[in-house]
PDB file of N, CA and C in Angstrom:
ATOM      1  N   MET A   1     112.495  70.206 136.671  1.00  0.00           N
ATOM      2  CA  MET A   1     113.420  70.595 135.677  1.00  0.00           C
ATOM      3  C   MET A   1     112.678  71.362 134.518  1.00  0.00           C
ATOM      4  N   SER A   2     111.439  71.113 134.332  1.00  0.00           N
ATOM      5  CA  SER A   2     110.664  71.693 133.161  1.00  0.00           C
ATOM      6  C   SER A   2     110.535  73.203 133.405  1.00  0.00           C
ATOM      7  N   ASP A   3     110.722  73.720 134.613  1.00  0.00           N
ATOM      8  CA  ASP A   3     110.529  75.132 134.950  1.00  0.00           C
ATOM      9  C   ASP A   3     111.769  75.962 134.419  1.00  0.00           C
ATOM     10  N   ILE A   4     112.856  75.277 134.078  1.00  0.00           N
ATOM     11  CA  ILE A   4     113.965  75.979 133.538  1.00  0.00           C
ATOM     12  C   ILE A   4     113.735  76.578 132.187  1.00  0.00           C
ATOM     13  N   GLU A   5     112.865  75.920 131.366  1.00  0.00           N
ATOM     14  CA  GLU A   5     112.639  76.417 130.077  1.00  0.00           C
ATOM     15  C   GLU A   5     111.520  77.428 129.890  1.00  0.00           C
ATOM     16  N   ARG A   6     110.837  77.743 131.035  1.00  0.00           N
ATOM     17  CA  ARG A   6     109.772  78.665 130.952  1.00  0.00           C
ATOM     18  C   ARG A   6     110.166  80.111 130.619  1.00  0.00           C
ATOM     19  N   ARG A   7     109.274  80.769 130.023  1.00  0.00           N
ATOM     20  CA  ARG A   7     109.578  82.169 129.699  1.00  0.00           C
ATOM     21  C   ARG A   7     109.436  83.035 131.038  1.00  0.00           C
ATOM     22  N   ARG A   8     110.093  84.162 130.960  1.00  0.00           N
ATOM     23  CA  ARG A   8     110.002  85.035 132.123  1.00  0.00           C
ATOM     24  C   ARG A   8     108.680  85.757 132.276  1.00  0.00           C
ATOM     25  N   GLY A   9     108.103  86.129 131.120  1.00  0.00           N
ATOM     26  CA  GLY A   9     106.812  86.754 131.271  1.00  0.00           C
ATOM     27  C   GLY A   9     105.673  85.896 130.792  1.00  0.00           C
ATOM     28  N   SER A  10     104.431  86.112 131.258  1.00  0.00           N
ATOM     29  CA  SER A  10     103.384  85.290 130.838  1.00  0.00           C
ATOM     30  C   SER A  10     102.813  85.949 129.553  1.00  0.00           C
ATOM     31  N   ARG A  11     102.235  85.062 128.756  1.00  0.00           N
ATOM     32  CA  ARG A  11     101.591  85.480 127.497  1.00  0.00           C
ATOM     33  C   ARG A  11     100.306  86.209 127.816  1.00  0.00           C
ATOM     34  N   PRO A  12      99.999  87.275 127.060  1.00  0.00           N
ATOM     35  CA  PRO A  12      98.719  87.983 127.379  1.00  0.00           C
ATOM     36  C   PRO A  12      97.589  87.121 127.053  1.00  0.00           C
ATOM     37  N   SER A  13      96.457  87.379 127.706  1.00  0.00           N
ATOM     38  CA  SER A  13      95.243  86.602 127.497  1.00  0.00           C
ATOM     39  C   SER A  13      94.731  86.846 126.107  1.00  0.00           C
ATOM     40  N   ARG A  14      93.815  85.957 125.664  1.00  0.00           N
ATOM     41  CA  ARG A  14      93.180  86.198 124.362  1.00  0.00           C
ATOM     42  C   ARG A  14      92.397  87.500 124.248  1.00  0.00           C
ATOM     43  N   LYS A  15      91.786  87.888 125.294  1.00  0.00           N
ATOM     44  CA  LYS A  15      91.019  89.176 125.295  1.00  0.00           C
ATOM     45  C   LYS A  15      92.031  90.355 125.202  1.00  0.00           C
ATOM     46  N   GLN A  16      93.122  90.301 125.873  1.00  0.00           N
ATOM     47  CA  GLN A  16      94.156  91.343 125.762  1.00  0.00           C
ATOM     48  C   GLN A  16      94.719  91.454 124.366  1.00  0.00           C
ATOM     49  N   ARG A  17      94.988  90.315 123.674  1.00  0.00           N
ATOM     50  CA  ARG A  17      95.497  90.289 122.341  1.00  0.00           C
ATOM     51  C   ARG A  17      94.458  90.845 121.355  1.00  0.00           C
ATOM     52  N   GLU A  18      93.216  90.489 121.602  1.00  0.00           N
ATOM     53  CA  GLU A  18      92.147  90.973 120.770  1.00  0.00           C
ATOM     54  C   GLU A  18      92.036  92.455 120.887  1.00  0.00           C
ATOM     55  N   GLN A  19      92.073  93.016 122.047  1.00  0.00           N
ATOM     56  CA  GLN A  19      91.993  94.461 122.212  1.00  0.00           C
ATOM     57  C   GLN A  19      93.152  95.154 121.558  1.00  0.00           C
ATOM     58  N   ARG A  20      94.410  94.594 121.794  1.00  0.00           N
ATOM     59  CA  ARG A  20      95.507  95.214 121.158  1.00  0.00           C
ATOM     60  C   ARG A  20      95.406  95.199 119.630  1.00  0.00           C
ATOM     61  N   ALA A  21      94.956  94.094 119.104  1.00  0.00           N
ATOM     62  CA  ALA A  21      94.765  93.949 117.649  1.00  0.00           C
ATOM     63  C   ALA A  21      93.795  95.019 117.183  1.00  0.00           C
ATOM     64  N   TYR A  22      92.710  95.201 117.877  1.00  0.00           N
ATOM     65  CA  TYR A  22      91.659  96.122 117.507  1.00  0.00           C
ATOM     66  C   TYR A  22      92.189  97.550 117.491  1.00  0.00           C
ATOM     67  N   ARG A  23      92.899  97.910 118.544  1.00  0.00           N
ATOM     68  CA  ARG A  23      93.560  99.225 118.636  1.00  0.00           C
ATOM     69  C   ARG A  23      94.556  99.529 117.564  1.00  0.00           C
ATOM     70  N   LEU A  24      95.350  98.471 117.182  1.00  0.00           N
ATOM     71  CA  LEU A  24      96.295  98.684 116.141  1.00  0.00           C
ATOM     72  C   LEU A  24      95.658  98.785 114.781  1.00  0.00           C
ATOM     73  N   VAL A  25      94.452  98.077 114.567  1.00  0.00           N
ATOM     74  CA  VAL A  25      93.720  98.359 113.316  1.00  0.00           C
ATOM     75  C   VAL A  25      93.194  99.736 113.242  1.00  0.00           C
ATOM     76  N   LEU A  26      92.664 100.192 114.311  1.00  0.00           N
ATOM     77  CA  LEU A  26      92.135 101.539 114.277  1.00  0.00           C
ATOM     78  C   LEU A  26      93.243 102.584 114.076  1.00  0.00           C
ATOM     79  N   ALA A  27      94.347 102.502 114.814  1.00  0.00           N
ATOM     80  CA  ALA A  27      95.373 103.466 114.648  1.00  0.00           C
ATOM     81  C   ALA A  27      96.078 103.331 113.219  1.00  0.00           C
ATOM     82  N   GLY A  28      96.265 102.133 112.760  1.00  0.00           N
ATOM     83  CA  GLY A  28      96.896 101.972 111.435  1.00  0.00           C
ATOM     84  C   GLY A  28      95.967 102.450 110.379  1.00  0.00           C
ATOM     85  N   GLY A  29      94.678 102.263 110.408  1.00  0.00           N
ATOM     86  CA  GLY A  29      93.808 102.742 109.412  1.00  0.00           C
ATOM     87  C   GLY A  29      93.685 104.210 109.389  1.00  0.00           C
ATOM     88  N   THR A  30      93.650 104.786 110.533  1.00  0.00           N
ATOM     89  CA  THR A  30      93.616 106.303 110.667  1.00  0.00           C
ATOM     90  C   THR A  30      94.825 106.884 110.096  1.00  0.00           C
ATOM     91  N   LEU A  31      95.949 106.347 110.522  1.00  0.00           N
ATOM     92  CA  LEU A  31      97.270 106.924 110.029  1.00  0.00           C
ATOM     93  C   LEU A  31      97.428 106.672 108.523  1.00  0.00           C
ATOM     94  N   GLY A  32      96.891 105.504 108.075  1.00  0.00           N
ATOM     95  CA  GLY A  32      97.016 105.314 106.561  1.00  0.00           C
ATOM     96  C   GLY A  32      96.144 106.249 105.757  1.00  0.00           C
ATOM     97  N   ILE A  33      94.982 106.555 106.283  1.00  0.00           N
ATOM     98  CA  ILE A  33      94.070 107.568 105.600  1.00  0.00           C
ATOM     99  C   ILE A  33      94.585 108.875 105.635  1.00  0.00           C
ATOM    100  N   LEU A  34      95.191 109.295 106.813  1.00  0.00           N
ATOM    101  CA  LEU A  34      95.749 110.601 106.997  1.00  0.00           C
ATOM    102  C   LEU A  34      97.024 110.730 106.020  1.00  0.00           C
ATOM    103  N   GLY A  35      97.765 109.707 105.913  1.00  0.00           N
ATOM    104  CA  GLY A  35      98.969 109.736 105.065  1.00  0.00           C
ATOM    105  C   GLY A  35      98.583 109.833 103.611  1.00  0.00           C
ATOM    106  N   VAL A  36      97.608 109.097 103.182  1.00  0.00           N
ATOM    107  CA  VAL A  36      97.191 109.191 101.747  1.00  0.00           C
ATOM    108  C   VAL A  36      96.634 110.517 101.443  1.00  0.00           C
ATOM    109  N   VAL A  37      95.658 110.989 102.256  1.00  0.00           N
ATOM    110  CA  VAL A  37      95.160 112.279 102.025  1.00  0.00           C
ATOM    111  C   VAL A  37      96.148 113.426 102.135  1.00  0.00           C
ATOM    112  N   GLY A  38      97.109 113.329 103.065  1.00  0.00           N
ATOM    113  CA  GLY A  38      98.138 114.272 103.244  1.00  0.00           C
ATOM    114  C   GLY A  38      99.082 114.316 101.948  1.00  0.00           C
ATOM    115  N   LEU A  39      99.353 113.183 101.397  1.00  0.00           N
ATOM    116  CA  LEU A  39     100.219 113.114 100.201  1.00  0.00           C
ATOM    117  C   LEU A  39      99.455 113.691  99.041  1.00  0.00           C
ATOM    118  N   VAL A  40      98.210 113.406  98.860  1.00  0.00           N
ATOM    119  CA  VAL A  40      97.428 113.975  97.770  1.00  0.00           C
ATOM    120  C   VAL A  40      97.415 115.530  97.947  1.00  0.00           C
ATOM    121  N   LEU A  41      97.153 116.025  99.123  1.00  0.00           N
ATOM    122  CA  LEU A  41      97.161 117.417  99.277  1.00  0.00           C
ATOM    123  C   LEU A  41      98.590 118.088  99.094  1.00  0.00           C
ATOM    124  N   ALA A  42      99.620 117.347  99.442  1.00  0.00           N
ATOM    125  CA  ALA A  42     101.016 117.790  99.218  1.00  0.00           C
ATOM    126  C   ALA A  42     101.212 117.827  97.734  1.00  0.00           C
ATOM    127  N   ILE A  43     100.695 116.954  96.927  1.00  0.00           N
ATOM    128  CA  ILE A  43     100.920 117.027  95.464  1.00  0.00           C
ATOM    129  C   ILE A  43     100.123 118.140  94.806  1.00  0.00           C
ATOM    130  N   LEU A  44      98.859 118.259  95.318  1.00  0.00           N
ATOM    131  CA  LEU A  44      97.977 119.264  94.648  1.00  0.00           C
ATOM    132  C   LEU A  44      98.135 120.728  95.170  1.00  0.00           C
ATOM    133  N   THR A  45      98.628 120.825  96.408  1.00  0.00           N
ATOM    134  CA  THR A  45      98.754 122.219  97.013  1.00  0.00           C
ATOM    135  C   THR A  45     100.190 122.398  97.481  1.00  0.00           C
ATOM    136  N   SER A  46     100.292 123.447  98.276  1.00  0.00           N
ATOM    137  CA  SER A  46     101.682 123.674  98.762  1.00  0.00           C
ATOM    138  C   SER A  46     102.011 123.155 100.171  1.00  0.00           C
ATOM    139  N   PHE A  47     101.175 122.178 100.593  1.00  0.00           N
ATOM    140  CA  PHE A  47     101.402 121.508 101.927  1.00  0.00           C
ATOM    141  C   PHE A  47     102.709 120.687 101.786  1.00  0.00           C
ATOM    142  N   GLY A  48     103.349 120.521 102.923  1.00  0.00           N
ATOM    143  CA  GLY A  48     104.574 119.698 102.936  1.00  0.00           C
ATOM    144  C   GLY A  48     104.199 118.255 102.986  1.00  0.00           C
ATOM    145  N   ALA A  49     105.093 117.415 102.634  1.00  0.00           N
ATOM    146  CA  ALA A  49     104.859 115.919 102.581  1.00  0.00           C
ATOM    147  C   ALA A  49     105.515 115.188 103.723  1.00  0.00           C
ATOM    148  N   GLY A  50     106.130 115.911 104.647  1.00  0.00           N
ATOM    149  CA  GLY A  50     106.783 115.234 105.786  1.00  0.00           C
ATOM    150  C   GLY A  50     105.927 114.488 106.670  1.00  0.00           C
ATOM    151  N   LEU A  51     104.927 115.149 107.194  1.00  0.00           N
ATOM    152  CA  LEU A  51     103.925 114.499 108.122  1.00  0.00           C
ATOM    153  C   LEU A  51     103.127 113.411 107.458  1.00  0.00           C
ATOM    154  N   PRO A  52     102.644 113.571 106.250  1.00  0.00           N
ATOM    155  CA  PRO A  52     102.028 112.406 105.620  1.00  0.00           C
ATOM    156  C   PRO A  52     102.959 111.087 105.456  1.00  0.00           C
ATOM    157  N   ILE A  53     104.227 111.412 105.192  1.00  0.00           N
ATOM    158  CA  ILE A  53     105.131 110.297 105.059  1.00  0.00           C
ATOM    159  C   ILE A  53     105.369 109.621 106.372  1.00  0.00           C
ATOM    160  N   LEU A  54     105.450 110.414 107.507  1.00  0.00           N
ATOM    161  CA  LEU A  54     105.607 109.899 108.787  1.00  0.00           C
ATOM    162  C   LEU A  54     104.379 109.121 109.232  1.00  0.00           C
ATOM    163  N   ALA A  55     103.166 109.602 108.803  1.00  0.00           N
ATOM    164  CA  ALA A  55     101.949 108.856 109.106  1.00  0.00           C
ATOM    165  C   ALA A  55     101.941 107.554 108.415  1.00  0.00           C
ATOM    166  N   LEU A  56     102.388 107.484 107.161  1.00  0.00           N
ATOM    167  CA  LEU A  56     102.430 106.152 106.382  1.00  0.00           C
ATOM    168  C   LEU A  56     103.405 105.196 107.006  1.00  0.00           C
ATOM    169  N   ILE A  57     104.483 105.742 107.470  1.00  0.00           N
ATOM    170  CA  ILE A  57     105.533 104.868 108.130  1.00  0.00           C
ATOM    171  C   ILE A  57     104.935 104.285 109.430  1.00  0.00           C
ATOM    172  N   LEU A  58     104.252 105.092 110.214  1.00  0.00           N
ATOM    173  CA  LEU A  58     103.673 104.671 111.460  1.00  0.00           C
ATOM    174  C   LEU A  58     102.473 103.719 111.136  1.00  0.00           C
ATOM    175  N   ALA A  59     101.757 103.860 110.112  1.00  0.00           N
ATOM    176  CA  ALA A  59     100.787 102.927 109.615  1.00  0.00           C
ATOM    177  C   ALA A  59     101.369 101.605 109.331  1.00  0.00           C
ATOM    178  N   ALA A  60     102.465 101.553 108.722  1.00  0.00           N
ATOM    179  CA  ALA A  60     103.150 100.325 108.384  1.00  0.00           C
ATOM    180  C   ALA A  60     103.619  99.622 109.651  1.00  0.00           C
ATOM    181  N   VAL A  61     104.140 100.400 110.660  1.00  0.00           N
ATOM    182  CA  VAL A  61     104.528  99.825 111.864  1.00  0.00           C
ATOM    183  C   VAL A  61     103.321  99.179 112.639  1.00  0.00           C
ATOM    184  N   CYS A  62     102.181  99.881 112.661  1.00  0.00           N
ATOM    185  CA  CYS A  62     100.988  99.290 113.167  1.00  0.00           C
ATOM    186  C   CYS A  62     100.594  98.074 112.464  1.00  0.00           C
ATOM    187  N   PHE A  63     100.692  98.017 111.225  1.00  0.00           N
ATOM    188  CA  PHE A  63     100.356  96.783 110.476  1.00  0.00           C
ATOM    189  C   PHE A  63     101.309  95.632 110.940  1.00  0.00           C
ATOM    190  N   TRP A  64     102.590  95.907 110.984  1.00  0.00           N
ATOM    191  CA  TRP A  64     103.561  94.945 111.377  1.00  0.00           C
ATOM    192  C   TRP A  64     103.324  94.391 112.784  1.00  0.00           C
ATOM    193  N   LEU A  65     102.939  95.308 113.712  1.00  0.00           N
ATOM    194  CA  LEU A  65     102.638  94.911 115.075  1.00  0.00           C
ATOM    195  C   LEU A  65     101.341  94.078 115.107  1.00  0.00           C
ATOM    196  N   PHE A  66     100.330  94.498 114.276  1.00  0.00           N
ATOM    197  CA  PHE A  66      99.133  93.710 114.108  1.00  0.00           C
ATOM    198  C   PHE A  66      99.420  92.307 113.669  1.00  0.00           C
ATOM    199  N   ARG A  67     100.221  92.111 112.706  1.00  0.00           N
ATOM    200  CA  ARG A  67     100.591  90.811 112.208  1.00  0.00           C
ATOM    201  C   ARG A  67     101.245  89.957 113.275  1.00  0.00           C
ATOM    202  N   ARG A  68     102.105  90.564 114.111  1.00  0.00           N
ATOM    203  CA  ARG A  68     102.774  89.872 115.190  1.00  0.00           C
ATOM    204  C   ARG A  68     101.756  89.507 116.280  1.00  0.00           C
ATOM    205  N   THR A  69     100.714  90.261 116.497  1.00  0.00           N
ATOM    206  CA  THR A  69      99.750  90.078 117.555  1.00  0.00           C
ATOM    207  C   THR A  69      98.887  88.896 117.228  1.00  0.00           C
ATOM    208  N   VAL A  70      98.407  88.795 115.919  1.00  0.00           N
ATOM    209  CA  VAL A  70      97.469  87.804 115.615  1.00  0.00           C
ATOM    210  C   VAL A  70      98.088  86.426 115.160  1.00  0.00           C
ATOM    211  N   SER A  71      99.387  86.471 115.056  1.00  0.00           N
ATOM    212  CA  SER A  71     100.015  85.178 114.609  1.00  0.00           C
ATOM    213  C   SER A  71     100.592  84.404 115.837  1.00  0.00           C
TER     214      SER A  71
END
């Protein structure tokens, strides 16, 4: 009867979670830097601010996924 309560998918291994967290940190950090630099350039020059804002939104999503992965 204890099999009824089991999840359908198995939880990823510790190594898989560690790799995912590492990739999310790299992607989020890169997107965050690109977003901030892009916004500064948009303020100081005639560059548009659309892509930097999108980069910052994606960085926030990476941070949120990172928090879910490590908790």
